[in-house]
Amino acid sequence: MAVPAALAGLQAEANCPVCLDYLRDPVTTECGHNFCRCCIQQSWADLKDRFPCPVCRHSCQERHLRSNTQLGRMIDVARLLHVARSKKRRREEKHLCEKHHQVLTLFCEEDLEVLCPECTRPPDHQGHQVRPTQEAASHHRQRLSRYIEPLKKQVADVQRLVGTQERKLLELREKLQDQRQKLTSEFEQLSACVDREQGAVLSRLAEEERDIQRRLCANITAFSEHVSTLRRRLSEVAARSVLSDVQLLAGVRSSRGRCEGLRPPALYSFRLRLEACRLPPQHSALRKIIQKFRQEVTLDPETAHPHLLVSEDRKSVTFVRKRPGVPQNAKSFRTDPVVLGSEGFDGGRHYWEVLVGDKRAWAVGLCADGPSGQGGRPPAGRRRRWTIQRRAGGCVAHGAARVALAPTEKPTGLGVYLDYELGEISFYRLNDRAHIHSFTDAFSEVLRPYFWVGRDSKPLTICAARDEEG
C-alpha cells in the first residue's frame, strides 16, 4: 500500500493550489510555492502594491514569478504514472471479506458497507438495499464527483472574501486617518486644558483600531484555514475518486460526512465608533453648551420605593423609616430605595444638576426605562444603568462594569450630561466643575434619570434649571 499512497501524494503535489488541476506552465513565487502561471496572474489581477501568496499569505513585493521547467517535466511523468497505475488497478486481485474470506462483491446502501454473499444472510443487513459493488461504485463515484465543482466554487468564493477583507484593512486605515486628522484639527484650536483629553481620545481610537485589525486579521485567518480545509477535502475526494471500487466504497461514509459538513466562517464587518472632542465644563465654550441643553428634571412619585418621601414640587426626596401614608404602586421599586425622574430621553442632549450634600451613600445617573405593564417595573438590579455611586469606600462608576474612581474631594453635587446620539453620559463635580467620569455606550431605549437615595434621613435634591452668566 506504500506505492499507491506515494503515487497519490505525488499526484496531489503536482496539482495547482488554485485550480486544483495538474500544473500548467508552472511558476514559483518568492515564498517557494508553485502555481499555474495563468492562475497566479488572475489571483493578483486587481492588486497593486501587495501580492499575497494564496497558500501562505506571504506578501510578495512585486509580480516576480520564476518559470519552473524542471517541475513541468516532473508533472508530465506524474501524468504517465497515473495512467499506468489506473490500468494496473483494474487488473489487481479481488478483495476478500475479513470475516468470511470470500470475495467482496456486494454493497449495503443503508450501512454503506462492502459485503460478501455470506454477509447478507439474516439477520445482518436484512431488508437493506444491497447491490453489486460495480453498480454501487458507479453510483457513488457519480455522487462524489458532484462535490468537486461546488468545492471549487467555495474555494473561489472564500478567496474573494479574503480579498474583500484585506481591502477592508486599507479602508480602515484610511477612515481612521481621516478621523484622526479631524480630531487633531479640533484639539489644536483649544487651550492647554484639553491636552489630557486629546491623549485619552486618541488612545481610545488607537485601541479601537487595534481591536478591529485584530478581528479582521482573525477573520482572514479563519477564511484561510477554511480554504485549506476545502483544499484538503478536494484532494481527498480527487484521490478517492480514482481508487478501486472497494477502496472507494470502504471510506465513502467518512468522505461524504467531511464534505457535507463544511461551513465557512462568518464574515466580520466593522463599524467605526464616532469619537468627538469632550471638554471640561469650566471651558467657556462648553459652559454655553450646558446652558443651552440644561433640562428641567422632576421626580416621578409613582416609581418611588415605599420608604421614600417625594416633596410636593417633586424636586427633593428623603428616606424615612416609617412608610409614608401613600398607596402602593405597581411601578414603584420594591427592593432598593430608588426613584426615577419623570422625564424620558430617546435623543438629543440634556444636562441637569443634583445636590447630595453630606449624605453618606447615594447614586445618581440614568437607567434604561423598563417595560411597563402588569407586574410593574423590574427591580433596580435588572435594568441597564450608568451611575456614579458613593458608599463608605469612596466613589464608584457603575456601568457595564464597576470602576473604582481615584480618591478626590467629596462631591456635594453632580452635573449629569447626556448626549444620546453620541452615546455618552458624563458626570461633573459641582464643587469645582471638574470632570469625574464618562460612560460610552450605544443607546436604543428610553433613558430616565436615576436616583438611589441611601438609607439616611438627609435629602437628595434636583437643582432647578436656571440661566448662568457666561
Protein backbone atom coordinates (compact mmCIF):
# COMPACT_ATOMS: atom_id res chain seq x y z
CA MET A 1 0.00 0.00 0.00
CA ALA A 2 3.03 2.27 0.27
CA VAL A 3 3.34 2.62 -3.52
CA PRO A 4 -0.29 3.72 -4.11
CA ALA A 5 -0.03 6.19 -1.25
CA ALA A 6 3.21 7.58 -2.65
CA LEU A 7 1.67 7.92 -6.11
CA ALA A 8 -1.40 9.63 -4.66
CA GLY A 9 0.86 12.04 -2.76
CA LEU A 10 2.85 12.76 -5.91
CA GLN A 11 -0.35 13.45 -7.82
CA ALA A 12 -1.55 15.84 -5.09
CA GLU A 13 1.78 17.72 -5.12
CA ALA A 14 1.54 18.07 -8.90
CA ASN A 15 -1.73 19.98 -8.62
CA CYS A 16 -2.05 23.78 -8.66
CA PRO A 17 -3.37 25.09 -5.28
CA VAL A 18 -5.71 27.47 -7.14
CA CYS A 19 -7.37 25.41 -9.89
CA LEU A 20 -6.60 22.02 -8.23
CA ASP A 21 -5.64 20.51 -11.60
CA TYR A 22 -2.22 19.48 -12.94
CA LEU A 23 0.13 22.48 -13.06
CA ARG A 24 0.27 24.16 -16.47
CA ASP A 25 3.31 26.32 -17.28
CA PRO A 26 4.34 26.12 -13.57
CA VAL A 27 5.89 29.21 -11.93
CA THR A 28 7.33 29.66 -8.40
CA THR A 29 6.73 32.65 -6.08
CA GLU A 30 9.44 34.10 -3.85
CA CYS A 31 7.98 32.18 -0.87
CA GLY A 32 8.55 28.87 -2.69
CA HIS A 33 5.01 27.83 -3.72
CA ASN A 34 4.12 26.71 -7.25
CA PHE A 35 1.12 27.73 -9.37
CA CYS A 36 -0.10 27.72 -12.95
CA ARG A 37 1.11 30.97 -14.47
CA CYS A 38 -2.41 31.96 -15.55
CA CYS A 39 -3.88 31.10 -12.10
CA ILE A 40 -1.49 33.26 -10.06
CA GLN A 41 -1.73 36.13 -12.54
CA GLN A 42 -5.54 36.03 -12.31
CA SER A 43 -5.32 35.92 -8.48
CA TRP A 44 -3.20 39.11 -8.48
CA ALA A 45 -5.13 40.87 -11.25
CA ASP A 46 -6.84 43.51 -9.06
CA LEU A 47 -3.93 44.14 -6.67
CA LYS A 48 -1.43 46.99 -6.95
CA ASP A 49 1.09 47.14 -4.11
CA ARG A 50 0.76 43.87 -2.14
CA PHE A 51 0.66 40.41 -3.75
CA PRO A 52 -0.22 37.77 -1.11
CA CYS A 53 0.59 34.11 -1.79
CA PRO A 54 -2.74 32.18 -1.99
CA VAL A 55 -1.22 29.38 0.13
CA CYS A 56 0.74 31.05 2.97
CA ARG A 57 -0.44 34.71 2.54
CA HIS A 58 3.21 35.84 2.35
CA SER A 59 3.24 39.34 0.89
CA CYS A 60 5.39 39.36 -2.25
CA GLN A 61 6.99 42.71 -3.05
CA GLU A 62 6.41 42.55 -6.78
CA ARG A 63 4.91 40.37 -9.50
CA HIS A 64 8.13 38.37 -9.83
CA LEU A 65 7.50 34.79 -10.97
CA ARG A 66 10.14 32.24 -11.92
CA SER A 67 9.37 29.59 -14.54
CA ASN A 68 9.93 26.05 -13.24
CA THR A 69 10.60 23.90 -16.30
CA GLN A 70 12.00 21.01 -14.25
CA LEU A 71 8.73 20.84 -12.28
CA GLY A 72 6.83 20.86 -15.58
CA ARG A 73 8.74 17.74 -16.73
CA MET A 74 8.04 16.04 -13.38
CA ILE A 75 4.32 16.71 -13.83
CA ASP A 76 4.40 15.00 -17.24
CA VAL A 77 5.94 11.97 -15.50
CA ALA A 78 3.23 12.10 -12.80
CA ARG A 79 0.56 12.03 -15.51
CA LEU A 80 2.11 8.92 -17.09
CA LEU A 81 2.38 7.21 -13.70
CA HIS A 82 -1.26 7.97 -13.01
CA VAL A 83 -2.36 6.42 -16.32
CA ALA A 84 -0.20 3.35 -15.75
CA ARG A 85 -1.43 2.94 -12.18
CA SER A 86 -5.06 3.19 -13.29
CA LYS A 87 -4.55 0.36 -15.81
CA LYS A 88 -2.80 -1.79 -13.19
CA ARG A 89 -5.51 -1.14 -10.63
CA ARG A 90 -8.13 -2.59 -12.93
CA ARG A 91 -6.10 -5.81 -13.12
CA GLU A 92 -5.41 -6.15 -9.39
CA GLU A 93 -6.75 -9.10 -7.44
CA LYS A 94 -10.15 -9.26 -5.86
CA HIS A 95 -10.50 -8.14 -2.22
CA LEU A 96 -11.70 -10.70 0.34
CA CYS A 97 -14.05 -10.33 3.32
CA GLU A 98 -12.07 -10.40 6.55
CA LYS A 99 -14.87 -12.34 8.33
CA HIS A 100 -15.83 -14.96 5.73
CA HIS A 101 -12.78 -14.85 3.39
CA GLN A 102 -15.00 -14.57 0.35
CA VAL A 103 -14.79 -12.07 -2.48
CA LEU A 104 -16.39 -8.67 -1.68
CA THR A 105 -18.95 -8.33 -4.45
CA LEU A 106 -21.88 -6.55 -2.77
CA PHE A 107 -22.55 -3.15 -1.11
CA CYS A 108 -25.21 -2.26 1.50
CA GLU A 109 -26.68 1.16 0.81
CA GLU A 110 -28.20 1.53 4.30
CA ASP A 111 -24.98 0.79 6.25
CA LEU A 112 -22.58 1.91 3.46
CA GLU A 113 -20.53 -1.27 3.87
CA VAL A 114 -18.82 -3.60 1.34
CA LEU A 115 -20.09 -7.19 1.76
CA CYS A 116 -19.55 -10.73 0.58
CA PRO A 117 -22.54 -13.04 -0.11
CA GLU A 118 -22.24 -14.57 3.37
CA CYS A 119 -22.57 -11.15 4.99
CA THR A 120 -26.08 -10.70 3.55
CA ARG A 121 -27.57 -13.71 5.34
CA PRO A 122 -30.10 -12.87 8.08
CA PRO A 123 -30.18 -11.25 10.49
CA ASP A 124 -27.36 -8.93 9.29
CA HIS A 125 -28.46 -6.39 6.67
CA GLN A 126 -31.90 -7.99 6.49
CA GLY A 127 -34.28 -5.78 4.50
CA HIS A 128 -31.45 -3.48 3.35
CA GLN A 129 -30.84 -2.42 -0.23
CA VAL A 130 -27.84 -4.49 -1.39
CA ARG A 131 -26.44 -4.26 -4.89
CA PRO A 132 -23.24 -5.31 -6.78
CA THR A 133 -20.11 -3.33 -6.00
CA GLN A 134 -19.62 -2.29 -9.61
CA GLU A 135 -23.12 -0.78 -9.75
CA ALA A 136 -22.76 0.80 -6.29
CA ALA A 137 -19.30 2.19 -7.07
CA SER A 138 -20.57 3.79 -10.27
CA HIS A 139 -23.42 5.40 -8.34
CA HIS A 140 -21.22 6.74 -5.52
CA ARG A 141 -18.45 7.81 -7.89
CA GLN A 142 -21.02 9.99 -9.62
CA ARG A 143 -22.20 11.36 -6.26
CA LEU A 144 -18.65 12.16 -5.17
CA SER A 145 -17.92 13.85 -8.49
CA ARG A 146 -20.76 16.27 -7.73
CA TYR A 147 -18.79 17.63 -4.78
CA ILE A 148 -15.86 18.73 -6.93
CA GLU A 149 -17.39 21.75 -8.66
CA PRO A 150 -19.19 23.06 -5.54
CA LEU A 151 -15.95 22.73 -3.56
CA LYS A 152 -14.03 24.56 -6.27
CA LYS A 153 -16.69 27.29 -6.24
CA GLN A 154 -16.42 27.54 -2.44
CA VAL A 155 -12.65 27.95 -2.70
CA ALA A 156 -13.06 30.74 -5.25
CA ASP A 157 -15.81 32.44 -3.21
CA VAL A 158 -13.80 32.33 0.02
CA GLN A 159 -10.70 33.64 -1.74
CA ARG A 160 -12.78 36.58 -2.98
CA LEU A 161 -13.96 37.18 0.58
CA VAL A 162 -10.37 37.12 1.81
CA GLY A 163 -9.50 39.75 -0.78
CA THR A 164 -12.50 41.81 0.37
CA GLN A 165 -11.36 41.65 4.00
CA GLU A 166 -7.84 42.67 3.04
CA ARG A 167 -9.23 45.69 1.23
CA LYS A 168 -11.21 46.50 4.39
CA LEU A 169 -7.93 46.76 6.26
CA LEU A 170 -6.87 49.52 3.86
CA GLU A 171 -10.32 51.11 4.18
CA LEU A 172 -9.98 51.01 7.96
CA ARG A 173 -6.61 52.78 7.85
CA GLU A 174 -7.99 55.47 5.52
CA LYS A 175 -11.06 56.13 7.67
CA LEU A 176 -9.00 56.18 10.85
CA GLN A 177 -6.53 58.56 9.29
CA ASP A 178 -9.34 60.87 8.17
CA GLN A 179 -10.97 60.82 11.60
CA ARG A 180 -7.62 61.27 13.35
CA GLN A 181 -6.93 64.39 11.25
CA LYS A 182 -10.33 65.88 12.10
CA LEU A 183 -9.84 65.23 15.81
CA THR A 184 -6.35 66.71 15.77
CA SER A 185 -7.63 69.81 13.97
CA GLU A 186 -10.24 70.35 16.70
CA PHE A 187 -7.76 69.86 19.52
CA GLU A 188 -5.25 72.31 18.02
CA GLN A 189 -7.82 75.12 18.43
CA LEU A 190 -8.22 74.53 22.17
CA SER A 191 -6.12 75.65 25.12
CA ALA A 192 -3.78 73.53 27.22
CA CYS A 193 -6.67 72.34 29.43
CA VAL A 194 -7.78 69.85 26.73
CA ASP A 195 -4.35 68.25 26.14
CA ARG A 196 -5.05 65.41 28.53
CA GLU A 197 -8.44 64.75 26.93
CA GLN A 198 -6.84 64.69 23.48
CA GLY A 199 -4.49 61.93 24.56
CA ALA A 200 -7.39 59.96 26.01
CA VAL A 201 -9.48 60.20 22.83
CA LEU A 202 -6.58 59.21 20.56
CA SER A 203 -5.79 56.33 22.88
CA ARG A 204 -9.37 55.05 22.60
CA LEU A 205 -9.20 55.44 18.84
CA ALA A 206 -5.91 53.54 18.65
CA GLU A 207 -7.35 50.80 20.87
CA GLU A 208 -10.36 50.51 18.60
CA GLU A 209 -8.04 50.35 15.58
CA ARG A 210 -6.05 47.53 17.19
CA ASP A 211 -9.24 45.72 18.13
CA ILE A 212 -10.75 45.95 14.62
CA GLN A 213 -7.44 44.99 13.00
CA ARG A 214 -7.18 42.01 15.31
CA ARG A 215 -10.72 40.92 14.49
CA LEU A 216 -10.22 41.43 10.73
CA CYS A 217 -6.92 39.54 10.78
CA ALA A 218 -8.53 36.75 12.80
CA ASN A 219 -11.39 36.64 10.29
CA ILE A 220 -8.94 36.48 7.38
CA THR A 221 -7.02 33.70 9.14
CA ALA A 222 -10.28 31.81 9.68
CA PHE A 223 -11.11 32.10 5.97
CA SER A 224 -7.58 30.99 5.03
CA GLU A 225 -7.90 27.97 7.29
CA HIS A 226 -11.29 27.23 5.75
CA VAL A 227 -9.72 27.41 2.28
CA SER A 228 -7.03 24.96 3.43
CA THR A 229 -9.73 22.61 4.73
CA LEU A 230 -11.61 22.87 1.44
CA ARG A 231 -8.40 22.09 -0.48
CA ARG A 232 -7.76 19.05 1.72
CA ARG A 233 -11.29 17.82 1.08
CA LEU A 234 -10.86 18.38 -2.66
CA SER A 235 -7.57 16.48 -2.67
CA GLU A 236 -9.18 13.71 -0.64
CA VAL A 237 -12.19 13.46 -2.96
CA ALA A 238 -9.98 13.59 -6.03
CA ALA A 239 -7.66 10.88 -4.64
CA ARG A 240 -10.55 8.66 -3.52
CA SER A 241 -12.42 9.02 -6.80
CA VAL A 242 -9.61 7.21 -8.66
CA LEU A 243 -9.39 4.30 -6.19
CA SER A 244 -10.76 0.87 -6.88
CA ASP A 245 -14.43 0.21 -6.31
CA VAL A 246 -13.92 -1.50 -2.96
CA GLN A 247 -11.37 1.02 -1.71
CA LEU A 248 -13.63 3.89 -2.74
CA LEU A 249 -16.68 2.41 -1.05
CA ALA A 250 -14.81 1.40 2.11
CA GLY A 251 -14.24 5.07 3.02
CA VAL A 252 -17.17 6.71 1.31
CA ARG A 253 -19.03 7.27 4.63
CA SER A 254 -16.28 9.42 6.15
CA SER A 255 -15.58 11.23 2.86
CA ARG A 256 -19.22 12.21 2.45
CA GLY A 257 -19.51 13.32 6.06
CA ARG A 258 -16.44 15.56 5.84
CA CYS A 259 -17.58 17.12 2.56
CA GLU A 260 -21.19 17.75 3.55
CA GLY A 261 -20.37 19.24 6.97
CA LEU A 262 -18.23 22.12 5.71
CA ARG A 263 -19.39 25.59 6.75
CA PRO A 264 -17.47 28.82 6.06
CA PRO A 265 -16.76 31.19 8.96
CA ALA A 266 -18.96 34.25 9.44
CA LEU A 267 -17.87 37.41 7.61
CA TYR A 268 -16.76 40.11 10.04
CA SER A 269 -17.76 43.70 9.27
CA PHE A 270 -16.70 46.64 11.38
CA ARG A 271 -18.42 49.89 12.20
CA LEU A 272 -16.08 52.58 13.41
CA ARG A 273 -17.33 54.27 16.56
CA LEU A 274 -17.58 58.04 16.22
CA GLU A 275 -15.21 59.86 18.55
CA ALA A 276 -15.56 63.55 19.36
CA CYS A 277 -13.84 66.22 21.39
CA ARG A 278 -15.03 66.32 25.02
CA LEU A 279 -14.22 69.44 27.03
CA PRO A 280 -14.32 70.01 30.79
CA PRO A 281 -17.25 72.22 31.88
CA GLN A 282 -15.03 75.05 33.13
CA HIS A 283 -14.20 75.78 29.50
CA SER A 284 -16.34 78.74 28.46
CA ALA A 285 -17.49 77.17 25.18
CA LEU A 286 -18.81 74.06 26.92
CA ARG A 287 -20.43 76.16 29.68
CA LYS A 288 -22.54 77.79 27.00
CA ILE A 289 -23.43 74.37 25.59
CA ILE A 290 -24.54 73.23 29.06
CA GLN A 291 -26.68 76.34 29.35
CA LYS A 292 -28.27 75.54 26.01
CA PHE A 293 -29.13 71.93 26.94
CA ARG A 294 -29.99 72.43 30.61
CA GLN A 295 -33.04 70.28 31.40
CA GLU A 296 -35.80 70.71 33.97
CA VAL A 297 -35.90 67.34 35.76
CA THR A 298 -38.52 66.30 38.32
CA LEU A 299 -39.10 63.13 40.33
CA ASP A 300 -41.76 60.56 39.49
CA PRO A 301 -43.51 59.61 42.78
CA GLU A 302 -45.11 56.55 41.15
CA THR A 303 -41.67 54.92 40.84
CA ALA A 304 -40.51 55.75 44.38
CA HIS A 305 -39.67 52.98 46.87
CA PRO A 306 -42.30 52.77 49.66
CA HIS A 307 -39.85 54.29 52.19
CA LEU A 308 -39.09 57.36 50.03
CA LEU A 309 -40.89 60.64 50.54
CA VAL A 310 -41.01 62.90 47.46
CA SER A 311 -41.56 66.64 48.04
CA GLU A 312 -44.61 68.43 46.65
CA ASP A 313 -42.54 70.24 44.00
CA ARG A 314 -41.02 66.83 43.07
CA LYS A 315 -37.50 68.24 43.36
CA SER A 316 -36.39 66.54 46.59
CA VAL A 317 -36.57 63.00 48.02
CA THR A 318 -35.86 61.68 51.53
CA PHE A 319 -35.65 58.19 53.03
CA VAL A 320 -38.00 57.68 56.02
CA ARG A 321 -38.02 54.70 58.37
CA LYS A 322 -41.79 54.73 58.70
CA ARG A 323 -43.64 54.28 55.46
CA PRO A 324 -45.49 57.39 54.26
CA GLY A 325 -49.23 57.07 54.07
CA VAL A 326 -49.34 56.59 50.29
CA PRO A 327 -50.91 53.71 48.34
CA GLN A 328 -48.69 51.02 46.80
CA ASN A 329 -47.97 51.42 43.09
CA ALA A 330 -47.10 48.66 40.59
CA LYS A 331 -44.42 50.90 39.03
CA SER A 332 -42.53 51.55 42.28
CA PHE A 333 -39.21 49.98 43.21
CA ARG A 334 -39.63 47.38 45.94
CA THR A 335 -36.10 46.31 46.88
CA ASP A 336 -33.84 49.38 46.66
CA PRO A 337 -34.53 52.98 47.81
CA VAL A 338 -34.77 54.25 44.21
CA VAL A 339 -36.88 56.84 42.43
CA LEU A 340 -36.77 57.77 38.73
CA GLY A 341 -37.13 61.11 37.00
CA SER A 342 -40.42 61.86 35.27
CA GLU A 343 -38.64 62.75 32.01
CA GLY A 344 -37.62 60.11 29.46
CA PHE A 345 -34.93 60.79 26.84
CA ASP A 346 -34.72 58.99 23.49
CA GLY A 347 -32.50 61.52 21.72
CA GLY A 348 -30.77 64.89 21.95
CA ARG A 349 -28.50 66.47 24.59
CA HIS A 350 -29.58 67.15 28.17
CA TYR A 351 -27.93 68.46 31.34
CA TRP A 352 -29.14 68.66 34.97
CA GLU A 353 -27.64 69.02 38.44
CA VAL A 354 -28.26 67.13 41.68
CA LEU A 355 -27.29 68.20 45.22
CA VAL A 356 -26.22 65.36 47.53
CA GLY A 357 -24.80 67.48 50.37
CA ASP A 358 -23.09 65.37 53.02
CA LYS A 359 -25.15 62.21 52.52
CA ARG A 360 -23.13 59.09 53.33
CA ALA A 361 -24.44 56.97 50.42
CA TRP A 362 -26.13 57.82 47.13
CA ALA A 363 -26.15 57.04 43.39
CA VAL A 364 -27.03 59.45 40.58
CA GLY A 365 -27.23 58.84 36.83
CA LEU A 366 -29.52 57.30 34.21
CA CYS A 367 -31.13 53.93 33.61
CA ALA A 368 -32.90 52.22 30.73
CA ASP A 369 -36.66 52.53 31.18
CA GLY A 370 -38.04 49.05 31.83
CA PRO A 371 -41.17 47.74 30.08
CA SER A 372 -44.44 48.81 31.63
CA GLY A 373 -47.47 46.62 32.09
CA GLN A 374 -48.66 44.03 34.55
CA GLY A 375 -46.20 43.14 37.27
CA GLY A 376 -44.65 46.65 37.42
CA ARG A 377 -41.13 47.63 36.51
CA PRO A 378 -38.19 45.28 37.02
CA PRO A 379 -36.05 45.70 40.15
CA ALA A 380 -33.18 48.20 40.03
CA GLY A 381 -30.58 45.48 39.70
CA ARG A 382 -32.08 44.11 36.46
CA ARG A 383 -32.06 47.23 34.29
CA ARG A 384 -29.13 48.79 32.49
CA ARG A 385 -27.86 51.84 34.30
CA TRP A 386 -24.97 54.30 34.27
CA THR A 387 -24.38 55.94 37.65
CA ILE A 388 -21.83 57.47 39.97
CA GLN A 389 -22.30 55.82 43.35
CA ARG A 390 -20.87 56.79 46.74
CA ARG A 391 -20.54 54.44 49.67
CA ALA A 392 -18.23 54.22 52.67
CA GLY A 393 -15.34 53.09 50.45
CA GLY A 394 -15.49 56.06 48.08
CA CYS A 395 -16.99 56.71 44.64
CA VAL A 396 -17.59 54.03 42.00
CA ALA A 397 -18.68 54.36 38.35
CA HIS A 398 -21.31 51.71 37.75
CA GLY A 399 -21.98 50.84 34.09
CA ALA A 400 -21.39 47.58 32.24
CA ALA A 401 -18.72 47.03 34.92
CA ARG A 402 -17.79 48.71 38.19
CA VAL A 403 -14.84 51.11 38.06
CA ALA A 404 -13.37 52.49 41.28
CA LEU A 405 -12.68 56.21 40.89
CA ALA A 406 -9.49 57.84 42.19
CA PRO A 407 -9.93 59.48 45.62
CA THR A 408 -10.80 63.17 45.22
CA GLU A 409 -12.69 65.84 47.07
CA LYS A 410 -16.10 64.51 48.15
CA PRO A 411 -18.78 65.88 45.77
CA THR A 412 -21.56 67.97 47.29
CA GLY A 413 -23.41 67.82 43.99
CA LEU A 414 -23.17 66.36 40.50
CA GLY A 415 -23.82 67.64 36.99
CA VAL A 416 -25.13 64.98 34.58
CA TYR A 417 -24.72 65.47 30.82
CA LEU A 418 -26.33 63.10 28.28
CA ASP A 419 -25.50 63.09 24.56
CA TYR A 420 -27.86 60.37 23.31
CA GLU A 421 -26.70 60.20 19.68
CA LEU A 422 -23.01 60.21 20.60
CA GLY A 423 -23.71 57.54 23.21
CA GLU A 424 -22.12 59.42 26.10
CA ILE A 425 -23.05 60.13 29.72
CA SER A 426 -20.65 62.44 31.63
CA PHE A 427 -20.55 63.44 35.29
CA TYR A 428 -19.03 66.60 36.79
CA ARG A 429 -18.37 67.62 40.40
CA LEU A 430 -20.24 70.84 41.23
CA ASN A 431 -17.66 71.82 43.88
CA ASP A 432 -15.11 72.86 41.26
CA ARG A 433 -16.81 71.88 37.92
CA ALA A 434 -14.23 69.10 37.48
CA HIS A 435 -14.91 66.09 35.27
CA ILE A 436 -15.47 62.87 37.27
CA HIS A 437 -16.18 60.13 34.70
CA SER A 438 -17.75 59.45 31.29
CA PHE A 439 -19.57 56.36 30.02
CA THR A 440 -19.67 55.48 26.33
CA ASP A 441 -22.37 53.09 25.15
CA ALA A 442 -24.96 52.54 22.40
CA PHE A 443 -28.48 53.61 23.36
CA SER A 444 -31.67 52.31 21.76
CA GLU A 445 -34.13 52.55 24.65
CA VAL A 446 -35.66 55.47 26.55
CA LEU A 447 -33.34 56.70 29.34
CA ARG A 448 -34.64 58.16 32.62
CA PRO A 449 -32.81 59.97 35.42
CA TYR A 450 -31.99 57.54 38.24
CA PHE A 451 -31.61 58.33 41.96
CA TRP A 452 -30.57 55.80 44.63
CA VAL A 453 -31.18 57.71 47.86
CA GLY A 454 -29.49 55.54 50.50
CA ARG A 455 -30.97 54.91 53.94
CA ASP A 456 -30.09 58.08 55.84
CA SER A 457 -32.60 60.84 56.51
CA LYS A 458 -30.79 63.59 54.57
CA PRO A 459 -32.45 64.72 51.33
CA LEU A 460 -31.25 64.41 47.75
CA THR A 461 -32.32 67.44 45.70
CA ILE A 462 -32.54 68.26 41.99
CA CYS A 463 -31.43 71.82 41.19
CA ALA A 464 -33.95 73.97 39.38
CA ALA A 465 -32.98 74.90 35.82
CA ARG A 466 -31.64 78.44 35.65
CA ASP A 467 -29.61 80.60 33.33
CA GLU A 468 -25.98 81.17 34.27
CA GLU A 469 -23.92 84.10 33.30
CA GLY A 470 -21.25 83.31 30.80
